[in-house]
């Protein structure tokens, strides 16, 4: 069983803009409390990534989602730094096989990674509800918001 399949895990978190995004407009608009929270997230992320001997953002992250293996970078996952995926890679080590194991159906997971990489995804209308449900499960608020606009 995985941390991410626990009901309600991370459900009490409220996504908000992050200092990881180098956009002065977002930085100015954030409250002092949020800047402290975001700085703590940045520090925690940097500490987790520094445990590996590779440049920041190039760390390979191996995921096993319902038996299907996916590889991506920490930088890709951290594009939505308040997501459950970001929490997973910054707060927990991978399993003995080097993979993070997620007990979820893998069929739509590639859409999630593609959105994190590119900020958009080519998606047919019939898959939209299922992809949105997966994005909600993983706390990918940017993707949920994007899916709500079309």
Protein backbone atom coordinates (compact mmCIF):
# COMPACT_ATOMS: atom_id res chain seq x y z
CA UNK A 1 0.00 0.00 0.00
CA UNK A 2 1.20 3.47 -0.80
CA UNK A 3 1.04 6.78 0.99
CA UNK A 4 -0.88 8.26 -1.93
CA UNK A 5 -3.73 5.77 -1.86
CA UNK A 6 -4.71 6.60 1.73
CA UNK A 7 -8.15 8.26 1.77
CA UNK A 8 -7.93 11.94 2.60
CA UNK A 9 -4.12 12.01 2.59
CA UNK A 10 -3.18 15.62 1.99
CA UNK A 11 -6.83 16.63 1.48
CA UNK A 12 -6.60 19.39 4.09
CA UNK A 13 -4.02 21.34 2.05
CA UNK A 14 -5.01 24.38 0.08
CA UNK A 15 -2.95 25.06 -3.05
CA UNK A 16 -1.58 28.57 -3.50
CA UNK A 17 1.10 30.35 -5.54
CA UNK A 18 4.66 29.37 -4.78
CA UNK A 19 7.98 31.15 -4.65
CA UNK A 20 9.40 28.35 -6.80
CA UNK A 21 7.76 30.15 -9.71
CA UNK A 22 10.04 33.08 -10.46
CA UNK A 23 7.30 35.57 -11.15
CA UNK A 24 7.47 38.82 -9.15
CA UNK A 25 3.72 39.40 -9.51
CA UNK A 26 3.00 36.18 -7.59
CA UNK A 27 5.62 36.99 -4.97
CA UNK A 28 4.15 40.43 -4.27
CA UNK A 29 0.60 39.08 -4.09
CA UNK A 30 1.43 36.45 -1.47
CA UNK A 31 0.94 36.94 2.23
CA UNK A 32 3.91 36.84 4.59
CA UNK A 33 2.60 33.55 6.05
CA UNK A 34 2.44 31.98 2.57
CA UNK A 35 6.00 33.15 1.77
CA UNK A 36 7.19 31.43 4.97
CA UNK A 37 5.32 28.23 4.07
CA UNK A 38 6.68 28.34 0.51
CA UNK A 39 10.22 28.99 1.72
CA UNK A 40 9.89 25.96 4.01
CA UNK A 41 8.76 23.88 1.00
CA UNK A 42 11.68 25.16 -1.08
CA UNK A 43 14.14 24.38 1.71
CA UNK A 44 12.65 20.89 2.24
CA UNK A 45 12.75 20.20 -1.50
CA UNK A 46 16.34 21.40 -1.86
CA UNK A 47 17.39 19.27 1.11
CA UNK A 48 15.71 16.19 -0.33
CA UNK A 49 17.27 16.70 -3.76
CA UNK A 50 20.72 17.41 -2.29
CA UNK A 51 20.83 13.83 -0.99
CA UNK A 52 21.50 12.78 -4.57
CA UNK A 53 24.71 13.49 -6.49
CA UNK A 54 23.02 15.03 -9.50
CA UNK A 55 22.24 18.66 -10.39
CA UNK A 56 19.03 20.08 -8.93
CA UNK A 57 16.02 19.29 -11.10
CA UNK A 58 17.75 16.54 -13.05
CA UNK A 59 17.15 13.89 -10.42
CA UNK A 60 15.31 11.02 -12.05
CA UNK A 61 12.14 9.98 -10.30
CA UNK A 62 10.88 6.47 -10.91
CA UNK A 63 7.19 5.82 -10.33
CA UNK A 64 5.34 2.53 -10.38
CA UNK A 65 1.67 3.36 -10.86
CA UNK A 66 -0.53 0.28 -10.66
CA UNK A 67 2.27 -1.88 -12.07
CA UNK A 68 3.22 0.48 -14.93
CA UNK A 69 6.59 2.22 -14.62
CA UNK A 70 7.06 5.91 -15.39
CA UNK A 71 10.27 7.93 -15.28
CA UNK A 72 10.42 11.70 -15.01
CA UNK A 73 12.49 14.39 -13.32
CA UNK A 74 12.01 15.97 -9.91
CA UNK A 75 11.80 19.30 -11.73
CA UNK A 76 8.73 18.10 -13.64
CA UNK A 77 6.92 16.90 -10.51
CA UNK A 78 7.81 20.09 -8.63
CA UNK A 79 6.10 22.26 -11.25
CA UNK A 80 3.04 21.87 -8.99
CA UNK A 81 4.88 22.10 -5.66
CA UNK A 82 1.79 21.76 -3.48
CA UNK A 83 0.69 18.47 -5.05
CA UNK A 84 0.70 15.11 -3.35
CA UNK A 85 3.33 13.94 -5.86
CA UNK A 86 5.64 16.79 -4.79
CA UNK A 87 5.02 15.87 -1.15
CA UNK A 88 5.83 12.26 -1.91
CA UNK A 89 9.23 12.88 -3.52
CA UNK A 90 10.29 15.52 -0.98
CA UNK A 91 9.14 13.73 2.16
CA UNK A 92 9.66 10.02 1.51
CA UNK A 93 12.42 7.91 0.00
CA UNK A 94 11.59 5.56 -2.88
CA UNK A 95 11.12 1.84 -2.27
CA UNK A 96 14.00 -0.63 -2.28
CA UNK A 97 13.68 -0.98 -6.06
CA UNK A 98 14.13 2.79 -6.50
CA UNK A 99 10.47 3.38 -7.43
CA UNK A 100 7.71 5.22 -5.65
CA UNK A 101 4.76 2.82 -5.64
CA UNK A 102 1.33 4.31 -6.21
CA UNK A 103 -1.74 2.12 -5.94
CA UNK A 104 -3.75 3.86 -8.65
CA UNK A 105 -4.83 2.97 -12.18
CA UNK A 106 -2.03 3.88 -14.60
CA UNK A 107 -4.20 4.53 -17.64
CA UNK A 108 -4.34 8.35 -17.28
CA UNK A 109 -1.10 8.97 -15.40
CA UNK A 110 0.81 9.88 -18.57
CA UNK A 111 -1.62 12.78 -19.10
CA UNK A 112 -0.68 14.09 -15.65
CA UNK A 113 3.05 13.95 -16.37
CA UNK A 114 2.57 15.55 -19.79
CA UNK A 115 0.62 18.40 -18.22
CA UNK A 116 3.32 18.94 -15.62
CA UNK A 117 5.95 19.06 -18.38
CA UNK A 118 4.10 21.26 -20.87
CA UNK A 119 1.26 23.04 -19.04
CA UNK A 120 -1.26 21.65 -21.54
CA UNK A 121 -2.37 18.22 -22.66
CA UNK A 122 -4.14 16.89 -25.73
CA UNK A 123 -7.21 15.21 -24.29
CA UNK A 124 -10.45 13.99 -25.81
CA UNK A 125 -13.72 15.04 -24.20
CA UNK A 126 -14.71 11.52 -23.07
CA UNK A 127 -11.51 11.10 -20.98
CA UNK A 128 -11.72 14.54 -19.37
CA UNK A 129 -13.77 13.51 -16.26
CA UNK A 130 -11.46 10.58 -15.45
CA UNK A 131 -8.29 12.61 -16.00
CA UNK A 132 -9.69 15.44 -13.87
CA UNK A 133 -10.50 12.93 -11.11
CA UNK A 134 -6.90 11.65 -11.17
CA UNK A 135 -5.57 15.22 -11.13
CA UNK A 136 -7.79 15.90 -8.09
CA UNK A 137 -6.54 12.75 -6.37
CA UNK A 138 -2.91 13.82 -6.78
CA UNK A 139 -3.67 17.41 -5.76
CA UNK A 140 -2.61 18.83 -9.13
CA UNK A 141 -4.56 22.05 -8.69
CA UNK A 142 -3.07 23.75 -11.75
CA UNK A 143 -4.25 20.88 -13.94
CA UNK A 144 -7.69 20.77 -12.33
CA UNK A 145 -8.07 24.50 -12.94
CA UNK A 146 -6.90 24.14 -16.54
CA UNK A 147 -9.32 21.25 -17.17
CA UNK A 148 -12.16 23.36 -15.74
CA UNK A 149 -11.61 26.05 -18.38
CA UNK A 150 -12.59 23.94 -21.39
